């Protein structure tokens, strides 16, 4: 049996060496996977395999043979778990190479799925080992189910954040680098973890949200905005002549269409205000960049101001005009004196 173990170990080392040399010359990574699985083949598995092959010739008592058989099967299950772990690591590593440096959320997703796959693998292997050793796994699973319910209730918040993390990673309502608004908070996503997500606000501080709270909020993702709709108003005085009023929409359209990366939508005389005639203007900035939007709005405001000066159109601002009317001149008089036109009473 020892000779068989030595022979299997020698064959394993030889195959690993040859396979590694062959893998370096090919673009196919399946040979890398096979080499990794052979490296994970342990000495105790080779020993168990040798014992399995030689035990029919040893003529051992039945009870000893049964015990040795259980040990061999248990070691085989553990070796299968190591091979499964090697396969999981291989596919995780291959996907990480494709996403590293380009898709940070994809990297986190791969890590999370790899963790779940390993957890499921070892849980299944553990149940198979216990079943092989004669443990009643039906009662065990039932007990674990009751205990799992109690644990789930105790760890409700943690599990909620964990599943929230998986939901974010798989559904991708936002990714690292996106500028998002959550209720009254806004900032750039810096990190998506298993329990929390971290956001860098405009004022510089870091905001930390639990994943479950984050998913229960309304999220506005500005990074995925294809174009920005801008609405603004301006008012002119009531003294503006009709001929100039009807020209204002065309003037504004001309100004907006002269700007780069902008699409004009409309300009209308909207309403009679308390102190002004109000116009509403709508246009689109064909870019998600906020600084570009502010540059465009500034250019439009300056151009409107300059053009209205040239046209003699005055902007309105809050004013009040008082009209005073009286039949008699106002002048001070004493209380005992009579006003003009009145006779003193006796």
Protein backbone atom coordinates (compact mmCIF):
# COMPACT_ATOMS: atom_id res chain seq x y z
CA UNK A 1 0.00 0.00 0.00
CA UNK A 2 2.86 2.38 0.82
CA UNK A 3 4.36 1.64 -2.58
CA UNK A 4 1.04 2.58 -4.19
CA UNK A 5 0.93 5.85 -2.22
CA UNK A 6 4.46 6.67 -3.34
CA UNK A 7 3.59 5.83 -6.93
CA UNK A 8 0.45 7.98 -6.88
CA UNK A 9 2.38 10.89 -5.34
CA UNK A 10 5.07 10.60 -8.00
CA UNK A 11 2.50 10.47 -10.80
CA UNK A 12 0.70 13.48 -9.32
CA UNK A 13 3.90 15.54 -9.15
CA UNK A 14 4.87 14.57 -12.68
CA UNK A 15 1.46 15.47 -14.11
CA UNK A 16 1.40 18.80 -12.26
CA UNK A 17 4.86 19.69 -13.58
CA UNK A 18 4.03 18.75 -17.17
CA UNK A 19 0.61 20.38 -17.03
CA UNK A 20 2.02 23.63 -15.63
CA UNK A 21 4.61 23.75 -18.42
CA UNK A 22 1.91 23.06 -21.02
CA UNK A 23 -0.44 25.67 -19.51
CA UNK A 24 2.21 28.36 -19.91
CA UNK A 25 2.26 27.79 -23.68
CA UNK A 26 -1.49 27.89 -24.30
CA UNK A 27 -4.12 30.62 -24.12
CA UNK A 28 -6.73 28.17 -22.86
CA UNK A 29 -7.13 28.44 -19.09
CA UNK A 30 -8.81 25.06 -18.58
CA UNK A 31 -5.38 23.46 -18.18
CA UNK A 32 -4.69 25.99 -15.43
CA UNK A 33 -7.83 24.77 -13.67
CA UNK A 34 -6.73 21.13 -13.95
CA UNK A 35 -3.29 22.01 -12.59
CA UNK A 36 -4.89 23.86 -9.67
CA UNK A 37 -7.12 20.89 -8.86
CA UNK A 38 -4.14 18.51 -8.92
CA UNK A 39 -2.20 20.80 -6.59
CA UNK A 40 -5.17 20.69 -4.19
CA UNK A 41 -5.11 16.88 -4.22
CA UNK A 42 -3.84 16.06 -0.72
CA UNK A 43 -1.55 13.26 0.45
CA UNK A 44 -4.19 11.87 2.81
CA UNK A 45 -6.56 11.46 -0.14
CA UNK A 46 -3.92 9.50 -2.03
CA UNK A 47 -3.47 7.39 1.11
CA UNK A 48 -7.23 6.81 1.32
CA UNK A 49 -7.35 5.95 -2.38
CA UNK A 50 -4.52 3.45 -1.97
CA UNK A 51 -6.28 1.90 1.02
CA UNK A 52 -9.52 1.66 -0.96
CA UNK A 53 -7.73 -0.17 -3.79
CA UNK A 54 -5.89 -2.60 -1.50
CA UNK A 55 -8.52 -3.28 1.17
CA UNK A 56 -10.20 -6.13 -0.81
CA UNK A 57 -6.91 -8.03 -0.63
CA UNK A 58 -6.35 -7.52 3.13
CA UNK A 59 -9.20 -9.80 4.31
CA UNK A 60 -9.99 -7.62 7.35
CA UNK A 61 -12.95 -8.26 9.69
CA UNK A 62 -16.26 -6.84 8.49
CA UNK A 63 -16.58 -4.21 11.23
CA UNK A 64 -13.08 -2.87 10.59
CA UNK A 65 -13.74 -2.83 6.85
CA UNK A 66 -16.95 -0.87 7.46
CA UNK A 67 -15.19 1.72 9.63
CA UNK A 68 -12.34 2.08 7.15
CA UNK A 69 -14.90 2.52 4.37
CA UNK A 70 -16.59 5.37 6.25
CA UNK A 71 -13.23 7.04 6.80
CA UNK A 72 -12.34 6.70 3.11
CA UNK A 73 -15.69 8.16 2.02
CA UNK A 74 -15.33 11.04 4.50
CA UNK A 75 -11.86 11.85 3.17
CA UNK A 76 -13.21 11.64 -0.38
CA UNK A 77 -15.95 14.17 0.48
CA UNK A 78 -13.35 16.53 1.99
CA UNK A 79 -11.18 16.18 -1.10
CA UNK A 80 -14.22 16.91 -3.28
CA UNK A 81 -14.78 20.06 -1.22
CA UNK A 82 -11.19 21.16 -1.88
CA UNK A 83 -11.64 20.53 -5.62
CA UNK A 84 -14.90 22.48 -5.58
CA UNK A 85 -13.17 25.31 -3.74
CA UNK A 86 -10.41 25.29 -6.38
CA UNK A 87 -13.00 25.46 -9.17
CA UNK A 88 -14.78 28.36 -7.42
CA UNK A 89 -11.48 30.21 -6.92
CA UNK A 90 -10.62 29.66 -10.59
CA UNK A 91 -13.84 31.20 -11.90
CA UNK A 92 -13.72 34.01 -9.32
CA UNK A 93 -10.16 34.83 -10.35
CA UNK A 94 -10.99 34.74 -14.06
CA UNK A 95 -13.90 37.13 -13.62
CA UNK A 96 -11.84 39.41 -11.40
CA UNK A 97 -9.23 39.75 -14.15
CA UNK A 98 -11.94 40.86 -16.58
CA UNK A 99 -13.45 43.42 -14.19
CA UNK A 100 -10.47 44.65 -12.18
CA UNK A 101 -9.85 48.37 -12.66
CA UNK A 102 -12.93 48.83 -14.86
CA UNK A 103 -15.95 47.67 -12.88
CA UNK A 104 -15.42 47.97 -9.12
CA UNK A 105 -18.98 46.98 -8.35
CA UNK A 106 -18.54 43.92 -10.58
CA UNK A 107 -15.48 43.02 -8.51
CA UNK A 108 -17.52 43.24 -5.31
CA UNK A 109 -20.26 41.14 -6.93
CA UNK A 110 -17.77 38.43 -7.89
CA UNK A 111 -16.36 38.34 -4.36
CA UNK A 112 -19.86 38.11 -2.85
CA UNK A 113 -20.97 35.32 -5.20
CA UNK A 114 -17.72 33.45 -4.58
CA UNK A 115 -18.33 33.64 -0.83
CA UNK A 116 -21.89 32.36 -1.20
CA UNK A 117 -20.75 29.51 -3.49
CA UNK A 118 -18.09 28.38 -1.00
CA UNK A 119 -20.55 28.61 1.88
CA UNK A 120 -23.09 26.43 0.07
CA UNK A 121 -20.37 23.97 -1.02
CA UNK A 122 -19.01 23.41 2.49
CA UNK A 123 -22.52 23.22 3.98
CA UNK A 124 -23.47 20.44 1.53
CA UNK A 125 -20.19 18.57 2.13
CA UNK A 126 -20.66 18.83 5.90
CA UNK A 127 -24.16 17.33 5.66
CA UNK A 128 -22.88 14.51 3.44
CA UNK A 129 -20.04 13.75 5.86
CA UNK A 130 -22.43 13.68 8.83
CA UNK A 131 -24.82 11.42 6.94
CA UNK A 132 -21.94 9.09 6.09
CA UNK A 133 -20.98 8.93 9.77
CA UNK A 134 -24.51 7.86 10.71
CA UNK A 135 -25.88 11.16 11.96
CA UNK A 136 -29.62 11.66 11.34
CA UNK A 137 -29.38 14.77 9.17
CA UNK A 138 -33.19 14.98 8.79
CA UNK A 139 -33.58 15.80 12.47
CA UNK A 140 -30.48 17.97 12.27
CA UNK A 141 -31.86 19.98 9.35
CA UNK A 142 -35.19 20.36 11.16
CA UNK A 143 -33.38 21.57 14.27
CA UNK A 144 -31.28 23.90 12.20
CA UNK A 145 -34.48 25.23 10.63
CA UNK A 146 -35.93 26.17 14.02
CA UNK A 147 -32.60 27.57 15.14
CA UNK A 148 -32.26 29.38 11.84
CA UNK A 149 -35.59 31.12 12.38
CA UNK A 150 -34.50 32.26 15.84
CA UNK A 151 -31.13 33.38 14.50
CA UNK A 152 -32.80 35.20 11.61
CA UNK A 153 -35.02 37.12 14.03
CA UNK A 154 -32.03 38.01 16.19
CA UNK A 155 -29.91 39.01 13.22
CA UNK A 156 -32.71 40.62 11.22
CA UNK A 157 -30.95 43.95 10.68
CA UNK A 158 -27.61 42.37 9.79
CA UNK A 159 -29.22 39.91 7.37
CA UNK A 160 -31.28 42.75 5.89
CA UNK A 161 -28.10 44.71 5.19
CA UNK A 162 -26.39 41.60 3.77
CA UNK A 163 -29.22 40.86 1.35
CA UNK A 164 -29.44 44.58 0.60
CA UNK A 165 -25.78 44.46 -0.41
CA UNK A 166 -26.42 41.52 -2.75
CA UNK A 167 -29.42 43.36 -4.20
CA UNK A 168 -27.30 46.46 -4.88
CA UNK A 169 -24.49 44.41 -6.41
CA UNK A 170 -26.80 42.38 -8.65
CA UNK A 171 -29.51 44.92 -9.53
CA UNK A 172 -27.05 47.86 -9.71
CA UNK A 173 -29.30 50.87 -8.96
CA UNK A 174 -25.97 52.68 -8.67
CA UNK A 175 -22.28 51.81 -8.90
CA UNK A 176 -19.10 53.22 -7.41
CA UNK A 177 -18.47 56.69 -8.84
CA UNK A 178 -22.15 57.56 -9.38
CA UNK A 179 -23.50 60.85 -8.00
CA UNK A 180 -26.73 60.07 -6.18
CA UNK A 181 -29.28 61.88 -4.01
CA UNK A 182 -30.96 60.07 -1.10
CA UNK A 183 -33.71 62.16 0.48
CA UNK A 184 -31.86 65.32 1.59
CA UNK A 185 -28.36 63.86 1.21
CA UNK A 186 -26.22 63.80 -1.90
CA UNK A 187 -22.73 62.74 -2.90
CA UNK A 188 -20.53 60.34 -4.87
CA UNK A 189 -20.59 56.61 -4.08
CA UNK A 190 -17.18 55.52 -2.75
CA UNK A 191 -17.73 52.03 -1.38
CA UNK A 192 -20.42 49.34 -1.40
CA UNK A 193 -19.92 46.90 1.48
CA UNK A 194 -21.77 43.92 2.89
CA UNK A 195 -23.42 46.04 5.60
CA UNK A 196 -23.14 49.67 4.52
CA UNK A 197 -22.55 51.99 1.58
CA UNK A 198 -20.29 55.04 1.89
CA UNK A 199 -20.87 58.30 0.02
CA UNK A 200 -18.63 61.37 -0.20
CA UNK A 201 -20.78 64.50 0.10
CA UNK A 202 -20.22 67.77 -1.76
CA UNK A 203 -18.96 69.42 1.42
CA UNK A 204 -16.33 66.72 1.88
CA UNK A 205 -17.58 64.55 4.75
CA UNK A 206 -18.31 60.86 4.34
CA UNK A 207 -21.92 59.70 4.68
CA UNK A 208 -22.56 56.09 5.75
CA UNK A 209 -25.90 54.40 4.99
CA UNK A 210 -26.96 50.89 5.95
CA UNK A 211 -27.84 48.96 2.81
CA UNK A 212 -31.37 48.14 4.01
CA UNK A 213 -32.12 51.81 4.74
CA UNK A 214 -30.62 52.81 1.41
CA UNK A 215 -32.85 50.48 -0.60
CA UNK A 216 -35.95 51.64 1.27
CA UNK A 217 -35.24 55.25 0.25
CA UNK A 218 -35.90 57.00 -3.04
CA UNK A 219 -32.61 57.30 -4.91
CA UNK A 220 -31.92 59.77 -7.70
CA UNK A 221 -28.93 58.75 -9.82
CA UNK A 222 -27.57 61.78 -11.70
CA UNK A 223 -24.72 59.80 -13.27
CA UNK A 224 -27.25 58.04 -15.50
CA UNK A 225 -28.85 61.27 -16.66
CA UNK A 226 -28.47 61.54 -20.44
CA UNK A 227 -29.53 65.19 -20.63
CA UNK A 228 -30.55 67.85 -18.12
CA UNK A 229 -33.89 69.67 -18.41
CA UNK A 230 -33.61 73.29 -17.27
CA UNK A 231 -36.59 75.52 -16.48
CA UNK A 232 -36.22 79.16 -15.51
CA UNK A 233 -38.36 82.29 -15.49
CA UNK A 234 -37.83 85.99 -16.00
CA UNK A 235 -40.11 88.98 -15.66
CA UNK A 236 -40.34 92.29 -17.52
CA UNK A 237 -42.14 95.45 -16.47
CA UNK A 238 -45.79 96.17 -17.23
CA UNK A 239 -44.66 99.25 -19.13
CA UNK A 240 -43.06 97.05 -21.83
CA UNK A 241 -44.76 97.74 -25.21
CA UNK A 242 -46.71 94.98 -26.89
CA UNK A 243 -44.36 94.97 -29.89
CA UNK A 244 -41.40 94.14 -27.63
CA UNK A 245 -43.33 91.54 -25.64
CA UNK A 246 -44.08 89.44 -28.72
CA UNK A 247 -40.39 89.52 -29.71
CA UNK A 248 -39.05 88.20 -26.38
CA UNK A 249 -39.62 84.43 -27.06
CA UNK A 250 -37.76 84.70 -30.38
CA UNK A 251 -34.90 86.64 -28.76
CA UNK A 252 -34.50 84.02 -26.04
CA UNK A 253 -34.64 81.18 -28.55
CA UNK A 254 -31.89 82.82 -30.59
CA UNK A 255 -29.71 83.22 -27.49
CA UNK A 256 -30.16 79.62 -26.28
CA UNK A 257 -29.62 78.03 -29.69
CA UNK A 258 -26.30 79.88 -29.95
CA UNK A 259 -24.93 77.87 -26.98
CA UNK A 260 -23.03 74.58 -27.51
CA UNK A 261 -24.47 71.24 -26.29
CA UNK A 262 -27.91 72.78 -25.79
CA UNK A 263 -31.34 72.01 -27.27
CA UNK A 264 -34.00 74.72 -27.06
CA UNK A 265 -37.48 73.55 -26.09
CA UNK A 266 -39.79 76.53 -25.58
CA UNK A 267 -40.22 80.11 -24.32
CA UNK A 268 -43.69 81.43 -23.45
CA UNK A 269 -45.37 84.43 -21.87
CA UNK A 270 -46.70 82.48 -18.92
CA UNK A 271 -48.61 84.79 -16.59
CA UNK A 272 -49.35 88.22 -15.20
CA UNK A 273 -47.42 88.54 -11.97
CA UNK A 274 -47.91 90.92 -9.06
CA UNK A 275 -45.30 93.31 -10.43
CA UNK A 276 -44.10 91.72 -13.71
CA UNK A 277 -45.05 90.01 -16.95
CA UNK A 278 -43.54 86.54 -16.51
CA UNK A 279 -41.97 84.33 -19.19
CA UNK A 280 -41.09 80.65 -18.72
CA UNK A 281 -38.15 79.17 -20.65
CA UNK A 282 -37.25 75.47 -21.05
CA UNK A 283 -34.13 74.02 -22.64
CA UNK A 284 -31.95 70.89 -22.38
CA UNK A 285 -28.23 70.58 -21.68
CA UNK A 286 -27.02 67.56 -23.65
CA UNK A 287 -24.55 66.51 -20.97
CA UNK A 288 -24.79 65.29 -17.38
CA UNK A 289 -21.93 67.48 -16.14
CA UNK A 290 -23.21 69.97 -13.55
CA UNK A 291 -20.37 72.45 -14.10
CA UNK A 292 -21.16 72.54 -17.82
CA UNK A 293 -24.82 73.22 -17.01
CA UNK A 294 -23.82 76.16 -14.79
CA UNK A 295 -21.51 77.53 -17.50
CA UNK A 296 -24.32 77.35 -20.05
CA UNK A 297 -26.85 78.98 -17.71
CA UNK A 298 -24.41 81.77 -16.92
CA UNK A 299 -23.77 82.42 -20.62
CA UNK A 300 -27.52 82.51 -21.31
CA UNK A 301 -28.18 84.91 -18.42
CA UNK A 302 -25.45 87.30 -19.54
CA UNK A 303 -26.61 87.17 -23.16
CA UNK A 304 -30.23 87.90 -22.16
CA UNK A 305 -29.11 90.82 -20.01
CA UNK A 306 -27.03 92.28 -22.86
CA UNK A 307 -29.74 91.75 -25.49
CA UNK A 308 -32.50 93.26 -23.35
CA UNK A 309 -30.34 96.34 -22.78
CA UNK A 310 -29.94 96.71 -26.53
CA UNK A 311 -33.67 96.28 -27.12
CA UNK A 312 -34.71 98.64 -24.32
CA UNK A 313 -36.55 95.93 -22.38
CA UNK A 314 -36.52 96.42 -18.61
CA UNK A 315 -36.44 93.60 -16.08
CA UNK A 316 -39.08 93.82 -13.38
CA UNK A 317 -38.40 93.82 -9.68
CA UNK A 318 -40.76 94.21 -6.71
CA UNK A 319 -42.14 97.78 -6.70
CA UNK A 320 -45.25 99.60 -5.54
CA UNK A 321 -46.78 102.71 -7.12
CA UNK A 322 -48.98 104.83 -4.85
CA UNK A 323 -51.56 107.24 -6.30
CA UNK A 324 -52.73 109.94 -3.85
CA UNK A 325 -55.96 111.90 -4.52
CA UNK A 326 -57.50 114.76 -2.44
CA UNK A 327 -59.99 117.64 -3.02
CA UNK A 328 -58.35 120.06 -0.58
CA UNK A 329 -54.72 120.83 0.10
CA UNK A 330 -53.28 119.19 3.14
CA UNK A 331 -51.78 121.46 5.79
CA UNK A 332 -51.32 121.22 9.56
CA UNK A 333 -53.89 122.83 11.85
CA UNK A 334 -54.51 122.92 15.54
CA UNK A 335 -57.27 121.00 17.21
CA UNK A 336 -59.20 124.15 18.27
CA UNK A 337 -59.08 125.63 14.75
CA UNK A 338 -61.69 124.97 12.11
CA UNK A 339 -60.90 123.63 8.69
CA UNK A 340 -61.55 125.87 5.67
CA UNK A 341 -65.23 125.93 4.67
CA UNK A 342 -66.42 124.97 8.14
CA UNK A 343 -68.10 127.30 10.61
CA UNK A 344 -67.32 127.20 14.25
CA UNK A 345 -70.14 125.78 16.28
CA UNK A 346 -71.41 127.85 19.19
